[in-house]
C-alpha atoms as a PDB file:
ATOM      1  CA  MET A   1     -50.166-116.177-129.371  1.00  0.00           C
ATOM      2  CA  ASN A   2     -48.602-116.923-126.080  1.00  0.00           C
ATOM      3  CA  ILE A   3     -49.321-119.373-123.995  1.00  0.00           C
ATOM      4  CA  GLU A   4     -51.200-117.531-121.370  1.00  0.00           C
ATOM      5  CA  GLN A   5     -53.303-115.970-124.538  1.00  0.00           C
ATOM      6  CA  GLU A   6     -53.845-119.744-125.341  1.00  0.00           C
ATOM      7  CA  LEU A   7     -54.846-120.945-122.181  1.00  0.00           C
ATOM      8  CA  HIS A   8     -57.633-118.257-121.733  1.00  0.00           C
ATOM      9  CA  LYS A   9     -58.828-118.899-125.508  1.00  0.00           C
ATOM     10  CA  HIS A  10     -59.369-122.945-124.616  1.00  0.00           C
ATOM     11  CA  LEU A  11     -60.958-122.066-121.348  1.00  0.00           C
ATOM     12  CA  PHE A  12     -63.229-119.494-122.691  1.00  0.00           C
ATOM     13  CA  GLN A  13     -64.013-121.905-125.776  1.00  0.00           C
ATOM     14  CA  GLN A  14     -64.728-124.812-123.021  1.00  0.00           C
ATOM     15  CA  ARG A  15     -66.987-123.001-121.017  1.00  0.00           C
ATOM     16  CA  GLU A  16     -69.226-121.500-124.353  1.00  0.00           C
ATOM     17  CA  GLU A  17     -69.196-125.120-125.284  1.00  0.00           C
ATOM     18  CA  GLN A  18     -70.174-126.705-122.066  1.00  0.00           C
ATOM     19  CA  THR A  19     -67.139-129.068-122.183  1.00  0.00           C
ATOM     20  CA  GLN A  20     -64.613-130.005-119.318  1.00  0.00           C
ATOM     21  CA  HIS A  21     -62.212-132.858-118.698  1.00  0.00           C
ATOM     22  CA  LEU A  22     -62.856-136.078-116.763  1.00  0.00           C
ATOM     23  CA  GLU A  23     -63.983-134.936-113.196  1.00  0.00           C
ATOM     24  CA  TYR A  24     -61.131-135.503-110.656  1.00  0.00           C
ATOM     25  CA  ASN A  25     -63.449-137.738-108.213  1.00  0.00           C
ATOM     26  CA  LEU A  26     -64.023-140.270-111.169  1.00  0.00           C
ATOM     27  CA  GLU A  27     -60.220-140.214-112.267  1.00  0.00           C
ATOM     28  CA  PHE A  28     -59.457-140.937-108.732  1.00  0.00           C
ATOM     29  CA  GLN A  29     -61.659-143.872-108.767  1.00  0.00           C
ATOM     30  CA  PHE A  30     -60.157-145.182-111.579  1.00  0.00           C
ATOM     31  CA  TYR A  31     -56.259-144.927-110.500  1.00  0.00           C
ATOM     32  CA  ASN A  32     -57.302-146.114-107.091  1.00  0.00           C
ATOM     33  CA  ALA A  33     -59.332-149.132-108.752  1.00  0.00           C
ATOM     34  CA  VAL A  34     -55.993-150.097-110.410  1.00  0.00           C
ATOM     35  CA  ALA A  35     -53.904-149.589-107.576  1.00  0.00           C
ATOM     36  CA  SER A  36     -56.294-151.743-105.497  1.00  0.00           C
ATOM     37  CA  GLY A  37     -56.345-154.796-107.955  1.00  0.00           C
ATOM     38  CA  ASP A  38     -60.087-154.431-108.586  1.00  0.00           C
ATOM     39  CA  MET A  39     -60.432-155.709-111.892  1.00  0.00           C
ATOM     40  CA  GLU A  40     -64.302-155.423-112.083  1.00  0.00           C
ATOM     41  CA  THR A  41     -64.645-151.896-111.703  1.00  0.00           C
ATOM     42  CA  VAL A  42     -61.589-151.257-113.790  1.00  0.00           C
ATOM     43  CA  SER A  43     -63.146-153.090-116.534  1.00  0.00           C
ATOM     44  CA  ARG A  44     -66.332-150.850-116.504  1.00  0.00           C
ATOM     45  CA  TYR A  45     -63.557-147.904-117.819  1.00  0.00           C
ATOM     46  CA  CYS A  46     -62.489-150.037-120.552  1.00  0.00           C
ATOM     47  CA  THR A  47     -62.960-148.060-124.049  1.00  0.00           C
ATOM     48  CA  ALA A  48     -65.224-149.318-127.271  1.00  0.00           C
ATOM     49  CA  GLU A  49     -62.439-150.872-128.845  1.00  0.00           C
ATOM     50  CA  GLN A  50     -63.882-150.748-132.422  1.00  0.00           C
ATOM     51  CA  ASP A  51     -64.713-146.769-132.121  1.00  0.00           C
ATOM     52  CA  GLU A  52     -62.807-144.599-133.970  1.00  0.00           C
ATOM     53  CA  THR A  53     -64.485-141.573-132.235  1.00  0.00           C
ATOM     54  CA  VAL A  54     -63.327-143.276-128.852  1.00  0.00           C
ATOM     55  CA  TYR A  55     -61.154-140.346-127.654  1.00  0.00           C
ATOM     56  CA  ASP A  56     -62.858-137.529-129.625  1.00  0.00           C
ATOM     57  CA  GLY A  57     -65.058-137.163-125.988  1.00  0.00           C
ATOM     58  CA  THR A  58     -64.894-133.897-124.042  1.00  0.00           C
ATOM     59  CA  GLU A  59     -63.762-135.564-120.903  1.00  0.00           C
ATOM     60  CA  TYR A  60     -60.185-136.749-122.638  1.00  0.00           C
ATOM     61  CA  GLY A  61     -59.374-133.578-124.087  1.00  0.00           C
ATOM     62  CA  ARG A  62     -57.907-133.086-127.428  1.00  0.00           C
ATOM     63  CA  LEU A  63     -54.402-133.228-127.395  1.00  0.00           C
ATOM     64  CA  SER A  64     -53.792-133.284-131.297  1.00  0.00           C
ATOM     65  CA  GLU A  65     -56.101-132.465-133.855  1.00  0.00           C
ATOM     66  CA  ASN A  66     -54.801-135.780-135.826  1.00  0.00           C
ATOM     67  CA  ARG A  67     -57.384-138.645-134.302  1.00  0.00           C
ATOM     68  CA  LEU A  68     -54.551-141.064-134.717  1.00  0.00           C
ATOM     69  CA  GLN A  69     -51.794-138.942-132.926  1.00  0.00           C
ATOM     70  CA  ASN A  70     -54.542-138.160-130.244  1.00  0.00           C
ATOM     71  CA  ALA A  71     -55.185-141.604-129.537  1.00  0.00           C
ATOM     72  CA  ARG A  72     -51.294-142.041-128.940  1.00  0.00           C
ATOM     73  CA  TYR A  73     -50.681-139.093-126.892  1.00  0.00           C
ATOM     74  CA  HIS A  74     -53.608-140.336-124.746  1.00  0.00           C
ATOM     75  CA  PHE A  75     -52.357-144.001-124.489  1.00  0.00           C
ATOM     76  CA  VAL A  76     -48.560-142.463-123.457  1.00  0.00           C
ATOM     77  CA  VAL A  77     -50.627-140.212-120.536  1.00  0.00           C
ATOM     78  CA  ALA A  78     -52.298-143.143-119.378  1.00  0.00           C
ATOM     79  CA  VAL A  79     -49.630-145.407-118.947  1.00  0.00           C
ATOM     80  CA  ALA A  80     -47.419-142.986-117.732  1.00  0.00           C
ATOM     81  CA  LEU A  81     -49.853-141.887-114.860  1.00  0.00           C
ATOM     82  CA  ILE A  82     -50.801-145.995-114.056  1.00  0.00           C
ATOM     83  CA  THR A  83     -47.151-146.561-113.682  1.00  0.00           C
ATOM     84  CA  ARG A  84     -46.628-143.785-111.112  1.00  0.00           C
ATOM     85  CA  VAL A  85     -49.837-144.796-109.296  1.00  0.00           C
ATOM     86  CA  CYS A  86     -48.564-148.479-108.981  1.00  0.00           C
ATOM     87  CA  VAL A  87     -44.940-147.598-108.070  1.00  0.00           C
ATOM     88  CA  GLU A  88     -46.470-145.440-105.201  1.00  0.00           C
ATOM     89  CA  GLN A  89     -48.859-148.288-103.999  1.00  0.00           C
ATOM     90  CA  GLY A  90     -46.088-151.046-104.147  1.00  0.00           C
ATOM     91  CA  MET A  91     -45.252-152.403-107.652  1.00  0.00           C
ATOM     92  CA  GLU A  92     -41.644-152.935-108.168  1.00  0.00           C
ATOM     93  CA  ARG A  93     -40.299-149.792-109.884  1.00  0.00           C
ATOM     94  CA  GLU A  94     -38.176-151.486-112.511  1.00  0.00           C
ATOM     95  CA  THR A  95     -40.808-153.865-113.546  1.00  0.00           C
ATOM     96  CA  ALA A  96     -43.363-151.355-113.733  1.00  0.00           C
ATOM     97  CA  TYR A  97     -41.267-148.640-115.635  1.00  0.00           C
ATOM     98  CA  THR A  98     -39.988-151.540-118.082  1.00  0.00           C
ATOM     99  CA  LEU A  99     -43.469-152.547-118.411  1.00  0.00           C
ATOM    100  CA  SER A 100     -44.487-149.034-119.285  1.00  0.00           C
ATOM    101  CA  ASP A 101     -41.757-148.830-122.258  1.00  0.00           C
ATOM    102  CA  ILE A 102     -42.607-152.074-123.400  1.00  0.00           C
ATOM    103  CA  LEU A 103     -46.342-150.987-123.826  1.00  0.00           C
ATOM    104  CA  ILE A 104     -45.517-147.834-125.354  1.00  0.00           C
ATOM    105  CA  GLN A 105     -42.750-149.566-127.914  1.00  0.00           C
ATOM    106  CA  ARG A 106     -45.978-151.493-128.874  1.00  0.00           C
ATOM    107  CA  MET A 107     -48.513-148.678-129.122  1.00  0.00           C
ATOM    108  CA  ASP A 108     -45.840-147.055-131.568  1.00  0.00           C
ATOM    109  CA  ARG A 109     -46.157-149.650-133.864  1.00  0.00           C
ATOM    110  CA  LEU A 110     -50.084-149.701-134.042  1.00  0.00           C
ATOM    111  CA  THR A 111     -51.656-147.833-137.065  1.00  0.00           C
ATOM    112  CA  THR A 112     -55.479-147.289-136.149  1.00  0.00           C
ATOM    113  CA  VAL A 113     -57.270-145.923-133.261  1.00  0.00           C
ATOM    114  CA  PRO A 114     -59.255-149.500-132.085  1.00  0.00           C
ATOM    115  CA  GLU A 115     -55.814-150.824-132.139  1.00  0.00           C
ATOM    116  CA  ILE A 116     -54.454-148.502-129.659  1.00  0.00           C
ATOM    117  CA  SER A 117     -57.828-148.530-127.696  1.00  0.00           C
ATOM    118  CA  ALA A 118     -57.239-152.528-127.448  1.00  0.00           C
ATOM    119  CA  LEU A 119     -54.095-152.035-126.386  1.00  0.00           C
ATOM    120  CA  HIS A 120     -54.959-149.710-123.835  1.00  0.00           C
ATOM    121  CA  ASN A 121     -57.810-151.911-122.427  1.00  0.00           C
ATOM    122  CA  ALA A 122     -55.131-154.898-122.035  1.00  0.00           C
ATOM    123  CA  MET A 123     -52.792-152.426-120.198  1.00  0.00           C
ATOM    124  CA  ILE A 124     -54.748-151.536-117.807  1.00  0.00           C
ATOM    125  CA  ARG A 125     -55.997-154.920-116.990  1.00  0.00           C
ATOM    126  CA  ASP A 126     -52.722-156.267-116.933  1.00  0.00           C
ATOM    127  CA  PHE A 127     -51.468-153.512-114.132  1.00  0.00           C
ATOM    128  CA  THR A 128     -54.619-154.650-112.491  1.00  0.00           C
ATOM    129  CA  ARG A 129     -53.609-157.813-112.171  1.00  0.00           C
ATOM    130  CA  ARG A 130     -50.219-157.441-111.393  1.00  0.00           C
ATOM    131  CA  MET A 131     -51.431-155.328-108.559  1.00  0.00           C
ATOM    132  CA  GLN A 132     -53.705-158.240-107.124  1.00  0.00           C
ATOM    133  CA  GLU A 133     -50.626-160.041-107.275  1.00  0.00           C
ATOM    134  CA  VAL A 134     -48.630-157.351-105.182  1.00  0.00           C
ATOM    135  CA  ARG A 135     -51.606-156.714-102.520  1.00  0.00           C
ATOM    136  CA  ARG A 136     -51.478-160.696-102.028  1.00  0.00           C
ATOM    137  CA  ALA A 137     -47.492-160.435-101.551  1.00  0.00           C
ATOM    138  CA  HIS A 138     -48.293-157.824 -98.657  1.00  0.00           C
ATOM    139  CA  ALA A 139     -49.933-159.899 -96.665  1.00  0.00           C
ATOM    140  CA  TYR A 140     -46.774-161.428 -96.220  1.00  0.00           C
ATOM    141  CA  SER A 141     -44.660-160.310 -92.970  1.00  0.00           C
ATOM    142  CA  ILE A 142     -42.235-157.367 -93.520  1.00  0.00           C
ATOM    143  CA  HIS A 143     -39.562-159.400 -93.311  1.00  0.00           C
ATOM    144  CA  VAL A 144     -40.436-161.674 -95.884  1.00  0.00           C
ATOM    145  CA  SER A 145     -41.467-158.484 -97.833  1.00  0.00           C
ATOM    146  CA  LYS A 146     -38.348-156.968 -97.670  1.00  0.00           C
ATOM    147  CA  ALA A 147     -36.712-160.367 -98.742  1.00  0.00           C
ATOM    148  CA  VAL A 148     -38.809-160.970-101.774  1.00  0.00           C
ATOM    149  CA  SER A 149     -38.261-157.580-102.943  1.00  0.00           C
ATOM    150  CA  TYR A 150     -34.512-157.643-102.740  1.00  0.00           C
ATOM    151  CA  ILE A 151     -34.237-161.050-104.564  1.00  0.00           C
ATOM    152  CA  SER A 152     -36.487-159.523-107.222  1.00  0.00           C
ATOM    153  CA  ALA A 153     -33.862-156.745-107.992  1.00  0.00           C
ATOM    154  CA  HIS A 154     -30.896-159.137-107.799  1.00  0.00           C
ATOM    155  CA  LEU A 155     -31.845-162.088-109.574  1.00  0.00           C
ATOM    156  CA  HIS A 156     -29.112-162.044-111.897  1.00  0.00           C
ATOM    157  CA  GLU A 157     -26.442-161.915-109.085  1.00  0.00           C
ATOM    158  CA  LYS A 158     -24.919-165.128-107.384  1.00  0.00           C
ATOM    159  CA  LEU A 159     -26.884-164.833-104.582  1.00  0.00           C
ATOM    160  CA  THR A 160     -26.765-167.026-101.090  1.00  0.00           C
ATOM    161  CA  THR A 161     -29.885-167.366 -98.825  1.00  0.00           C
ATOM    162  CA  GLN A 162     -26.891-165.544 -96.263  1.00  0.00           C
ATOM    163  CA  ASP A 163     -26.119-162.561 -98.858  1.00  0.00           C
ATOM    164  CA  ILE A 164     -30.327-161.997 -98.471  1.00  0.00           C
ATOM    165  CA  ALA A 165     -30.379-162.370 -94.805  1.00  0.00           C
ATOM    166  CA  ASP A 166     -27.371-159.974 -94.099  1.00  0.00           C
ATOM    167  CA  ALA A 167     -29.382-157.678 -96.710  1.00  0.00           C
ATOM    168  CA  ILE A 168     -32.297-157.259 -94.291  1.00  0.00           C
ATOM    169  CA  SER A 169     -30.074-157.730 -91.407  1.00  0.00           C
ATOM    170  CA  LEU A 170     -31.927-161.079 -89.826  1.00  0.00           C
ATOM    171  CA  ASN A 171     -30.606-164.297 -88.976  1.00  0.00           C
ATOM    172  CA  ARG A 172     -30.738-166.980 -91.953  1.00  0.00           C
ATOM    173  CA  SER A 173     -32.201-169.710 -90.444  1.00  0.00           C
ATOM    174  CA  TYR A 174     -35.447-167.739 -88.754  1.00  0.00           C
ATOM    175  CA  LEU A 175     -35.914-165.917 -92.293  1.00  0.00           C
ATOM    176  CA  SER A 176     -35.794-169.356 -93.975  1.00  0.00           C
ATOM    177  CA  THR A 177     -38.519-170.475 -91.100  1.00  0.00           C
ATOM    178  CA  LEU A 178     -41.042-167.619 -92.288  1.00  0.00           C
ATOM    179  CA  PHE A 179     -40.466-168.266 -96.010  1.00  0.00           C
ATOM    180  CA  ARG A 180     -41.701-171.620 -95.038  1.00  0.00           C
ATOM    181  CA  ARG A 181     -44.336-170.773 -92.981  1.00  0.00           C
ATOM    182  CA  GLU A 182     -46.062-167.891 -95.341  1.00  0.00           C
ATOM    183  CA  ILE A 183     -44.996-168.852 -98.709  1.00  0.00           C
ATOM    184  CA  GLY A 184     -44.544-172.863 -98.466  1.00  0.00           C
ATOM    185  CA  LYS A 185     -40.966-172.782 -99.264  1.00  0.00           C
ATOM    186  CA  THR A 186     -37.514-172.308 -97.763  1.00  0.00           C
ATOM    187  CA  LEU A 187     -35.595-169.266 -98.401  1.00  0.00           C
ATOM    188  CA  HIS A 188     -33.225-171.343-100.715  1.00  0.00           C
ATOM    189  CA  GLN A 189     -36.086-172.700-102.561  1.00  0.00           C
ATOM    190  CA  TYR A 190     -37.984-169.550-103.484  1.00  0.00           C
ATOM    191  CA  LEU A 191     -34.578-167.927-104.540  1.00  0.00           C
ATOM    192  CA  LEU A 192     -34.346-171.023-106.898  1.00  0.00           C
ATOM    193  CA  SER A 193     -37.597-170.873-108.188  1.00  0.00           C
ATOM    194  CA  ALA A 194     -37.616-167.048-108.442  1.00  0.00           C
ATOM    195  CA  LYS A 195     -34.227-167.107-110.926  1.00  0.00           C
ATOM    196  CA  LEU A 196     -36.129-170.078-112.772  1.00  0.00           C
ATOM    197  CA  GLN A 197     -39.162-168.278-113.375  1.00  0.00           C
ATOM    198  CA  SER A 198     -37.317-165.171-114.725  1.00  0.00           C
ATOM    199  CA  ALA A 199     -34.971-167.149-116.668  1.00  0.00           C
ATOM    200  CA  ALA A 200     -38.416-169.166-118.509  1.00  0.00           C
ATOM    201  CA  GLN A 201     -39.478-165.417-119.246  1.00  0.00           C
ATOM    202  CA  LEU A 202     -36.148-164.672-121.000  1.00  0.00           C
ATOM    203  CA  LEU A 203     -36.264-167.738-122.957  1.00  0.00           C
ATOM    204  CA  THR A 204     -39.699-166.937-124.301  1.00  0.00           C
ATOM    205  CA  THR A 205     -38.611-163.314-124.903  1.00  0.00           C
ATOM    206  CA  SER A 206     -35.313-163.531-126.331  1.00  0.00           C
ATOM    207  CA  GLU A 207     -32.780-165.391-128.960  1.00  0.00           C
ATOM    208  CA  ILE A 208     -30.210-165.415-126.073  1.00  0.00           C
ATOM    209  CA  SER A 209     -28.692-168.729-126.002  1.00  0.00           C
ATOM    210  CA  LEU A 210     -29.166-171.107-122.858  1.00  0.00           C
ATOM    211  CA  SER A 211     -26.206-171.069-121.834  1.00  0.00           C
ATOM    212  CA  GLU A 212     -25.872-167.174-121.444  1.00  0.00           C
ATOM    213  CA  ILE A 213     -29.214-167.656-119.966  1.00  0.00           C
ATOM    214  CA  GLY A 214     -28.042-170.166-116.965  1.00  0.00           C
ATOM    215  CA  ALA A 215     -24.670-168.185-116.692  1.00  0.00           C
ATOM    216  CA  TYR A 216     -26.829-164.454-116.076  1.00  0.00           C
ATOM    217  CA  TYR A 217     -28.652-166.184-113.322  1.00  0.00           C
ATOM    218  CA  GLY A 218     -25.763-167.694-111.430  1.00  0.00           C
ATOM    219  CA  PHE A 219     -25.895-171.374-112.483  1.00  0.00           C
ATOM    220  CA  ALA A 220     -22.480-173.199-112.217  1.00  0.00           C
ATOM    221  CA  SER A 221     -22.790-175.084-115.468  1.00  0.00           C
ATOM    222  CA  GLN A 222     -25.225-175.632-118.554  1.00  0.00           C
ATOM    223  CA  SER A 223     -25.949-179.134-116.891  1.00  0.00           C
ATOM    224  CA  HIS A 224     -27.040-177.636-113.517  1.00  0.00           C
ATOM    225  CA  PHE A 225     -29.211-175.034-115.038  1.00  0.00           C
ATOM    226  CA  ILE A 226     -31.120-177.491-117.302  1.00  0.00           C
ATOM    227  CA  GLN A 227     -31.468-179.907-114.386  1.00  0.00           C
ATOM    228  CA  CYS A 228     -33.121-177.347-112.041  1.00  0.00           C
ATOM    229  CA  PHE A 229     -35.300-175.720-114.830  1.00  0.00           C
ATOM    230  CA  GLN A 230     -36.756-179.161-115.731  1.00  0.00           C
ATOM    231  CA  ARG A 231     -37.190-179.841-112.228  1.00  0.00           C
ATOM    232  CA  GLU A 232     -39.278-176.580-111.626  1.00  0.00           C
ATOM    233  CA  THR A 233     -41.208-176.838-115.226  1.00  0.00           C
ATOM    234  CA  GLY A 234     -41.269-180.207-115.962  1.00  0.00           C
ATOM    235  CA  LEU A 235     -39.674-179.195-119.221  1.00  0.00           C
ATOM    236  CA  THR A 236     -36.026-178.612-120.668  1.00  0.00           C
ATOM    237  CA  PRO A 237     -34.999-174.962-121.394  1.00  0.00           C
ATOM    238  CA  MET A 238     -35.414-176.073-125.239  1.00  0.00           C
ATOM    239  CA  GLU A 239     -38.647-177.764-125.072  1.00  0.00           C
ATOM    240  CA  TYR A 240     -39.961-174.766-122.994  1.00  0.00           C
ATOM    241  CA  ARG A 241     -38.733-172.237-125.347  1.00  0.00           C
ATOM    242  CA  ARG A 242     -39.835-174.411-128.473  1.00  0.00           C
ATOM    243  CA  LYS A 243     -43.466-174.604-126.867  1.00  0.00           C
ATOM    244  CA  PHE A 244     -44.008-171.231-125.417  1.00  0.00           C
ATOM    245  CA  TYR A 245     -41.620-168.951-127.827  1.00  0.00           C
ATOM    246  CA  GLN A 246     -44.480-167.853-130.213  1.00  0.00           C
ATOM    247  CA  ARG A 247     -46.527-166.496-127.237  1.00  0.00           C
ATOM    248  CA  SER A 248     -43.973-164.007-126.465  1.00  0.00           C
ATOM    249  CA  GLU A 249     -43.642-160.225-126.994  1.00  0.00           C
ATOM    250  CA  VAL A 250     -40.837-160.568-129.676  1.00  0.00           C
ATOM    251  CA  SER A 251     -42.654-163.009-131.394  1.00  0.00           C
ATOM    252  CA  ASP A 252     -45.781-160.527-131.061  1.00  0.00           C
ATOM    253  CA  SER A 253     -43.398-158.002-132.760  1.00  0.00           C
ATOM    254  CA  LYS A 254     -42.582-159.573-135.617  1.00  0.00           C
ATOM    255  CA  ASN A 255     -45.703-160.830-136.622  1.00  0.00           C
ATOM    256  CA  GLY A 256     -47.503-157.403-135.752  1.00  0.00           C
END
């Protein structure tokens, strides 16, 4: 049976059984809620986590005869569509697609439908929370928004405030004034904080050495990195890793 014949067969069966996929307007409401950061609405779309048959409903469509494989396919479709919508609505592209990869890899290690359903709910809430942050960031002026995006994409480089100002064709002093007015930090303070927060994430999600992390984010020496990190977080990098490492993605994957 070719694709065209199989398509007509399935459409006929669905009409006979009076089944149909989720209506477009409901799909739109869901994706719009995620992109808008509307956690209350998104929570109403969360699946019943302990229900083995949660993906068997006609609104989902059957992508596999195997229940677990069907759930896997639906998860991949959902995270792919949500990622695309969030990127289109302003989420930083590399962040969105890397998060998507992590989630799919995590799902691939799960062995039951309820586990996948629970991860699905966590996934949509996480994207929604991140879009709330994107929405708040969009309250900034166009110049600050551009600078924030540029910094995010070049954190691992030895950036100077002049580099950032040049990249968005703006006077450095004026850009720093905008940052202080809108964010409460100078451009230099924001850049340093962004590097340190990203370094903190790497400390808890990898086993890369402190010296390598410091060098990666452009710190002149390990002692300078430690000094700045402690001023930012109240902990040395080693203390931070010891305290938070067990809550990381890496730790979860080892334990799971």
